[in-house]
């Protein structure tokens, strides 16, 4: 089994060309030749360095976001589109100091205090005790992203991959699993 992390468009193209068998991506509309199974919502949170003045809080006011310098995802990515819509809904123009392509790079930059970010909870939830990162929620304005499991068409798939797809669907709270094959990709 191979695990790949990339943007959603790359993963969908890899599924179509049969270089991947499963992908977990941000919710996508119907995809020709692919099976899309909604997985549910995932919380996104504000992440700051533990020395940041807001790091002692568990929640922040929406207005607090206007004062932060952000390290966010590259423009045009599905993740950044969700974050942009979020800021629009708050009436805030974020101060973006860097655009980075993946979660690990963003976490490294936040750890050294170069800015804050908004990231999926799963990207930081397993940080070890004493981590340099602190997670904050925005009071009254939660941010979530919709996730889907995408697989290639109606092929007969190996039992282990069908079981993996079912486990993913079950773990993320959606109804019964769909078809899957031998590899899986995850979008940022």
C-alpha atoms as a PDB file:
ATOM      1  CA  UNK A   1       0.000   0.000   0.000  1.00  0.00           C
ATOM      2  CA  UNK A   2       1.258   3.460  -0.898  1.00  0.00           C
ATOM      3  CA  UNK A   3       0.189   6.666   0.848  1.00  0.00           C
ATOM      4  CA  UNK A   4       0.376   9.964  -1.032  1.00  0.00           C
ATOM      5  CA  UNK A   5      -0.349  13.519   0.093  1.00  0.00           C
ATOM      6  CA  UNK A   6      -1.135  16.093  -2.608  1.00  0.00           C
ATOM      7  CA  UNK A   7      -3.730  18.611  -3.666  1.00  0.00           C
ATOM      8  CA  UNK A   8      -7.190  17.367  -4.624  1.00  0.00           C
ATOM      9  CA  UNK A   9      -6.825  17.960  -8.375  1.00  0.00           C
ATOM     10  CA  UNK A  10      -3.635  15.879  -8.490  1.00  0.00           C
ATOM     11  CA  UNK A  11      -5.323  13.069  -6.571  1.00  0.00           C
ATOM     12  CA  UNK A  12      -8.431  13.094  -8.776  1.00  0.00           C
ATOM     13  CA  UNK A  13      -6.237  12.974 -11.898  1.00  0.00           C
ATOM     14  CA  UNK A  14      -4.238  10.108 -10.347  1.00  0.00           C
ATOM     15  CA  UNK A  15      -7.471   8.212  -9.707  1.00  0.00           C
ATOM     16  CA  UNK A  16      -8.612   8.721 -13.314  1.00  0.00           C
ATOM     17  CA  UNK A  17      -5.265   7.481 -14.625  1.00  0.00           C
ATOM     18  CA  UNK A  18      -5.371   4.523 -12.195  1.00  0.00           C
ATOM     19  CA  UNK A  19      -2.231   5.576 -10.316  1.00  0.00           C
ATOM     20  CA  UNK A  20      -4.298   5.746  -7.121  1.00  0.00           C
ATOM     21  CA  UNK A  21      -7.178   3.661  -5.921  1.00  0.00           C
ATOM     22  CA  UNK A  22      -8.652   5.808  -3.140  1.00  0.00           C
ATOM     23  CA  UNK A  23      -8.369   9.450  -2.182  1.00  0.00           C
ATOM     24  CA  UNK A  24      -9.669  11.440   0.752  1.00  0.00           C
ATOM     25  CA  UNK A  25     -10.339  14.937  -0.576  1.00  0.00           C
ATOM     26  CA  UNK A  26     -12.296  17.980   0.361  1.00  0.00           C
ATOM     27  CA  UNK A  27     -15.899  17.553  -0.730  1.00  0.00           C
ATOM     28  CA  UNK A  28     -16.167  17.512  -4.455  1.00  0.00           C
ATOM     29  CA  UNK A  29     -19.100  17.431  -6.823  1.00  0.00           C
ATOM     30  CA  UNK A  30     -19.795  14.522  -9.161  1.00  0.00           C
ATOM     31  CA  UNK A  31     -16.672  13.287 -10.938  1.00  0.00           C
ATOM     32  CA  UNK A  32     -16.960  11.462 -14.253  1.00  0.00           C
ATOM     33  CA  UNK A  33     -15.708   7.885 -13.917  1.00  0.00           C
ATOM     34  CA  UNK A  34     -15.187   8.164 -10.157  1.00  0.00           C
ATOM     35  CA  UNK A  35     -17.268   7.171  -7.145  1.00  0.00           C
ATOM     36  CA  UNK A  36     -17.599   9.925  -4.528  1.00  0.00           C
ATOM     37  CA  UNK A  37     -18.708   9.042  -0.978  1.00  0.00           C
ATOM     38  CA  UNK A  38     -19.281  11.926   1.475  1.00  0.00           C
ATOM     39  CA  UNK A  39     -17.346  11.333   4.698  1.00  0.00           C
ATOM     40  CA  UNK A  40     -18.532  14.264   6.777  1.00  0.00           C
ATOM     41  CA  UNK A  41     -17.081  17.406   8.266  1.00  0.00           C
ATOM     42  CA  UNK A  42     -13.697  18.026   9.802  1.00  0.00           C
ATOM     43  CA  UNK A  43     -13.016  20.921  12.135  1.00  0.00           C
ATOM     44  CA  UNK A  44     -10.386  23.482  11.241  1.00  0.00           C
ATOM     45  CA  UNK A  45      -8.662  25.516  13.917  1.00  0.00           C
ATOM     46  CA  UNK A  46      -6.344  28.483  14.368  1.00  0.00           C
ATOM     47  CA  UNK A  47      -2.775  27.456  15.193  1.00  0.00           C
ATOM     48  CA  UNK A  48      -0.216  29.734  16.874  1.00  0.00           C
ATOM     49  CA  UNK A  49       3.224  29.353  18.426  1.00  0.00           C
ATOM     50  CA  UNK A  50       3.052  28.643  22.173  1.00  0.00           C
ATOM     51  CA  UNK A  51       4.760  31.998  22.880  1.00  0.00           C
ATOM     52  CA  UNK A  52       2.076  33.997  21.051  1.00  0.00           C
ATOM     53  CA  UNK A  53      -0.035  36.200  23.387  1.00  0.00           C
ATOM     54  CA  UNK A  54      -3.216  34.353  22.306  1.00  0.00           C
ATOM     55  CA  UNK A  55      -1.683  30.929  23.038  1.00  0.00           C
ATOM     56  CA  UNK A  56      -2.918  30.952  26.644  1.00  0.00           C
ATOM     57  CA  UNK A  57      -6.533  31.004  25.466  1.00  0.00           C
ATOM     58  CA  UNK A  58      -8.606  28.127  24.118  1.00  0.00           C
ATOM     59  CA  UNK A  59     -10.847  30.399  22.046  1.00  0.00           C
ATOM     60  CA  UNK A  60     -10.446  33.743  20.316  1.00  0.00           C
ATOM     61  CA  UNK A  61     -12.916  36.329  19.096  1.00  0.00           C
ATOM     62  CA  UNK A  62     -13.359  36.620  15.319  1.00  0.00           C
ATOM     63  CA  UNK A  63     -11.963  40.175  15.544  1.00  0.00           C
ATOM     64  CA  UNK A  64      -8.705  38.757  16.986  1.00  0.00           C
ATOM     65  CA  UNK A  65      -7.988  37.171  13.605  1.00  0.00           C
ATOM     66  CA  UNK A  66      -7.553  40.599  11.985  1.00  0.00           C
ATOM     67  CA  UNK A  67      -4.400  41.227  14.044  1.00  0.00           C
ATOM     68  CA  UNK A  68      -2.657  37.969  13.108  1.00  0.00           C
ATOM     69  CA  UNK A  69      -0.096  37.396  10.352  1.00  0.00           C
ATOM     70  CA  UNK A  70      -1.075  34.216   8.553  1.00  0.00           C
ATOM     71  CA  UNK A  71       0.846  31.432   6.887  1.00  0.00           C
ATOM     72  CA  UNK A  72      -1.783  29.818   4.688  1.00  0.00           C
ATOM     73  CA  UNK A  73      -2.144  27.474   1.743  1.00  0.00           C
ATOM     74  CA  UNK A  74      -1.378  28.386  -1.846  1.00  0.00           C
ATOM     75  CA  UNK A  75      -4.038  30.411  -3.672  1.00  0.00           C
ATOM     76  CA  UNK A  76      -6.325  28.333  -5.846  1.00  0.00           C
ATOM     77  CA  UNK A  77      -6.189  25.236  -3.652  1.00  0.00           C
ATOM     78  CA  UNK A  78      -9.410  23.815  -2.259  1.00  0.00           C
ATOM     79  CA  UNK A  79      -8.165  24.376   1.296  1.00  0.00           C
ATOM     80  CA  UNK A  80      -7.361  28.019   0.691  1.00  0.00           C
ATOM     81  CA  UNK A  81     -10.719  28.531  -1.020  1.00  0.00           C
ATOM     82  CA  UNK A  82     -12.478  27.320   2.169  1.00  0.00           C
ATOM     83  CA  UNK A  83     -10.347  29.636   4.316  1.00  0.00           C
ATOM     84  CA  UNK A  84     -10.957  32.604   1.985  1.00  0.00           C
ATOM     85  CA  UNK A  85     -14.732  32.065   2.178  1.00  0.00           C
ATOM     86  CA  UNK A  86     -14.453  31.859   5.966  1.00  0.00           C
ATOM     87  CA  UNK A  87     -12.671  35.192   6.230  1.00  0.00           C
ATOM     88  CA  UNK A  88     -15.202  36.741   3.837  1.00  0.00           C
ATOM     89  CA  UNK A  89     -18.046  35.529   6.076  1.00  0.00           C
ATOM     90  CA  UNK A  90     -16.333  37.236   9.023  1.00  0.00           C
ATOM     91  CA  UNK A  91     -15.751  40.451   7.069  1.00  0.00           C
ATOM     92  CA  UNK A  92     -12.004  40.192   7.714  1.00  0.00           C
ATOM     93  CA  UNK A  93      -9.170  40.581   5.212  1.00  0.00           C
ATOM     94  CA  UNK A  94      -6.402  38.337   6.593  1.00  0.00           C
ATOM     95  CA  UNK A  95      -2.797  39.515   6.537  1.00  0.00           C
ATOM     96  CA  UNK A  96      -1.158  36.655   4.639  1.00  0.00           C
ATOM     97  CA  UNK A  97       2.631  36.743   4.915  1.00  0.00           C
ATOM     98  CA  UNK A  98       3.352  33.361   3.304  1.00  0.00           C
ATOM     99  CA  UNK A  99       1.628  30.790   1.132  1.00  0.00           C
ATOM    100  CA  UNK A 100       2.852  27.223   1.575  1.00  0.00           C
ATOM    101  CA  UNK A 101       1.846  23.981  -0.094  1.00  0.00           C
ATOM    102  CA  UNK A 102       1.489  21.541   2.792  1.00  0.00           C
ATOM    103  CA  UNK A 103       0.638  21.078   6.458  1.00  0.00           C
ATOM    104  CA  UNK A 104       4.122  20.089   7.634  1.00  0.00           C
ATOM    105  CA  UNK A 105       5.726  23.188   6.135  1.00  0.00           C
ATOM    106  CA  UNK A 106       3.038  25.393   7.682  1.00  0.00           C
ATOM    107  CA  UNK A 107       3.489  23.773  11.112  1.00  0.00           C
ATOM    108  CA  UNK A 108       7.268  24.285  10.938  1.00  0.00           C
ATOM    109  CA  UNK A 109       6.846  27.992  10.192  1.00  0.00           C
ATOM    110  CA  UNK A 110       4.256  28.466  12.946  1.00  0.00           C
ATOM    111  CA  UNK A 111       6.492  26.588  15.424  1.00  0.00           C
ATOM    112  CA  UNK A 112       9.286  29.133  14.920  1.00  0.00           C
ATOM    113  CA  UNK A 113       6.858  32.030  15.383  1.00  0.00           C
ATOM    114  CA  UNK A 114       6.663  33.371  11.837  1.00  0.00           C
ATOM    115  CA  UNK A 115       2.872  33.586  11.924  1.00  0.00           C
ATOM    116  CA  UNK A 116      -0.399  31.841  12.670  1.00  0.00           C
ATOM    117  CA  UNK A 117      -2.378  29.504  10.453  1.00  0.00           C
ATOM    118  CA  UNK A 118      -5.733  27.843  10.009  1.00  0.00           C
ATOM    119  CA  UNK A 119      -5.372  24.097   9.648  1.00  0.00           C
ATOM    120  CA  UNK A 120      -7.415  20.908   9.823  1.00  0.00           C
ATOM    121  CA  UNK A 121      -7.631  19.652  13.393  1.00  0.00           C
ATOM    122  CA  UNK A 122      -6.263  16.262  12.291  1.00  0.00           C
ATOM    123  CA  UNK A 123      -3.010  17.948  11.198  1.00  0.00           C
ATOM    124  CA  UNK A 124      -2.216  19.132  14.732  1.00  0.00           C
ATOM    125  CA  UNK A 125      -4.295  16.981  17.084  1.00  0.00           C
ATOM    126  CA  UNK A 126      -1.485  14.478  17.635  1.00  0.00           C
ATOM    127  CA  UNK A 127       1.162  17.034  18.557  1.00  0.00           C
ATOM    128  CA  UNK A 128       3.169  15.724  21.519  1.00  0.00           C
ATOM    129  CA  UNK A 129       2.920  17.207  25.014  1.00  0.00           C
ATOM    130  CA  UNK A 130       5.063  20.322  25.207  1.00  0.00           C
ATOM    131  CA  UNK A 131       4.570  21.040  21.520  1.00  0.00           C
ATOM    132  CA  UNK A 132       5.407  24.509  20.243  1.00  0.00           C
ATOM    133  CA  UNK A 133       1.934  24.701  18.669  1.00  0.00           C
ATOM    134  CA  UNK A 134      -1.268  25.822  20.339  1.00  0.00           C
ATOM    135  CA  UNK A 135      -4.745  25.255  18.906  1.00  0.00           C
ATOM    136  CA  UNK A 136      -7.492  27.856  19.177  1.00  0.00           C
ATOM    137  CA  UNK A 137     -11.151  27.854  18.222  1.00  0.00           C
ATOM    138  CA  UNK A 138     -12.997  30.960  17.066  1.00  0.00           C
ATOM    139  CA  UNK A 139     -15.907  31.806  19.396  1.00  0.00           C
ATOM    140  CA  UNK A 140     -19.267  31.344  17.718  1.00  0.00           C
ATOM    141  CA  UNK A 141     -17.742  30.917  14.257  1.00  0.00           C
ATOM    142  CA  UNK A 142     -16.534  27.334  13.812  1.00  0.00           C
ATOM    143  CA  UNK A 143     -14.852  26.465  10.559  1.00  0.00           C
ATOM    144  CA  UNK A 144     -15.195  23.036   8.998  1.00  0.00           C
ATOM    145  CA  UNK A 145     -14.347  21.410   5.717  1.00  0.00           C
ATOM    146  CA  UNK A 146     -16.329  18.675   4.003  1.00  0.00           C
ATOM    147  CA  UNK A 147     -14.430  15.481   3.190  1.00  0.00           C
ATOM    148  CA  UNK A 148     -15.158  12.799   0.598  1.00  0.00           C
ATOM    149  CA  UNK A 149     -13.715   9.404  -0.209  1.00  0.00           C
ATOM    150  CA  UNK A 150     -13.192   9.074  -3.960  1.00  0.00           C
ATOM    151  CA  UNK A 151     -12.469   5.836  -5.785  1.00  0.00           C
ATOM    152  CA  UNK A 152     -12.112   4.774  -9.389  1.00  0.00           C
ATOM    153  CA  UNK A 153     -15.365   3.670 -11.053  1.00  0.00           C
ATOM    154  CA  UNK A 154     -16.996   0.279 -10.662  1.00  0.00           C
ATOM    155  CA  UNK A 155     -14.030  -2.111 -10.777  1.00  0.00           C
ATOM    156  CA  UNK A 156     -13.908  -5.213  -8.598  1.00  0.00           C
ATOM    157  CA  UNK A 157     -11.480  -4.359  -5.850  1.00  0.00           C
ATOM    158  CA  UNK A 158      -9.310  -6.388  -3.463  1.00  0.00           C
ATOM    159  CA  UNK A 159     -10.878  -7.224  -0.133  1.00  0.00           C
ATOM    160  CA  UNK A 160      -8.205  -5.364   1.887  1.00  0.00           C
ATOM    161  CA  UNK A 161      -8.875  -2.121   0.016  1.00  0.00           C
ATOM    162  CA  UNK A 162     -12.646  -2.507   0.318  1.00  0.00           C
ATOM    163  CA  UNK A 163     -12.126  -2.978   4.056  1.00  0.00           C
ATOM    164  CA  UNK A 164      -9.879   0.099   4.234  1.00  0.00           C
ATOM    165  CA  UNK A 165     -12.526   2.183   2.456  1.00  0.00           C
ATOM    166  CA  UNK A 166     -15.212   0.876   4.817  1.00  0.00           C
ATOM    167  CA  UNK A 167     -13.023   1.647   7.848  1.00  0.00           C
ATOM    168  CA  UNK A 168     -12.423   5.198   6.619  1.00  0.00           C
ATOM    169  CA  UNK A 169     -16.101   5.796   6.001  1.00  0.00           C
ATOM    170  CA  UNK A 170     -17.023   4.316   9.388  1.00  0.00           C
ATOM    171  CA  UNK A 171     -14.341   6.259  11.277  1.00  0.00           C
ATOM    172  CA  UNK A 172     -15.398   9.550   9.732  1.00  0.00           C
ATOM    173  CA  UNK A 173     -19.084   8.988  10.371  1.00  0.00           C
ATOM    174  CA  UNK A 174     -20.614   8.521   6.921  1.00  0.00           C
ATOM    175  CA  UNK A 175     -22.868   5.658   5.776  1.00  0.00           C
ATOM    176  CA  UNK A 176     -21.556   2.386   4.329  1.00  0.00           C
ATOM    177  CA  UNK A 177     -18.285   2.270   2.388  1.00  0.00           C
ATOM    178  CA  UNK A 178     -17.834   2.103  -1.357  1.00  0.00           C
ATOM    179  CA  UNK A 179     -15.303   0.454  -3.613  1.00  0.00           C
ATOM    180  CA  UNK A 180     -11.571   0.968  -3.191  1.00  0.00           C
ATOM    181  CA  UNK A 181      -8.381  -0.509  -4.634  1.00  0.00           C
ATOM    182  CA  UNK A 182      -4.798  -0.764  -3.480  1.00  0.00           C
ATOM    183  CA  UNK A 183      -3.465   2.747  -2.792  1.00  0.00           C
ATOM    184  CA  UNK A 184      -4.814   5.863  -1.176  1.00  0.00           C
ATOM    185  CA  UNK A 185      -4.101   9.593  -1.364  1.00  0.00           C
ATOM    186  CA  UNK A 186      -4.916  12.423   1.026  1.00  0.00           C
ATOM    187  CA  UNK A 187      -5.386  16.056   0.067  1.00  0.00           C
ATOM    188  CA  UNK A 188      -4.039  18.941   2.133  1.00  0.00           C
END
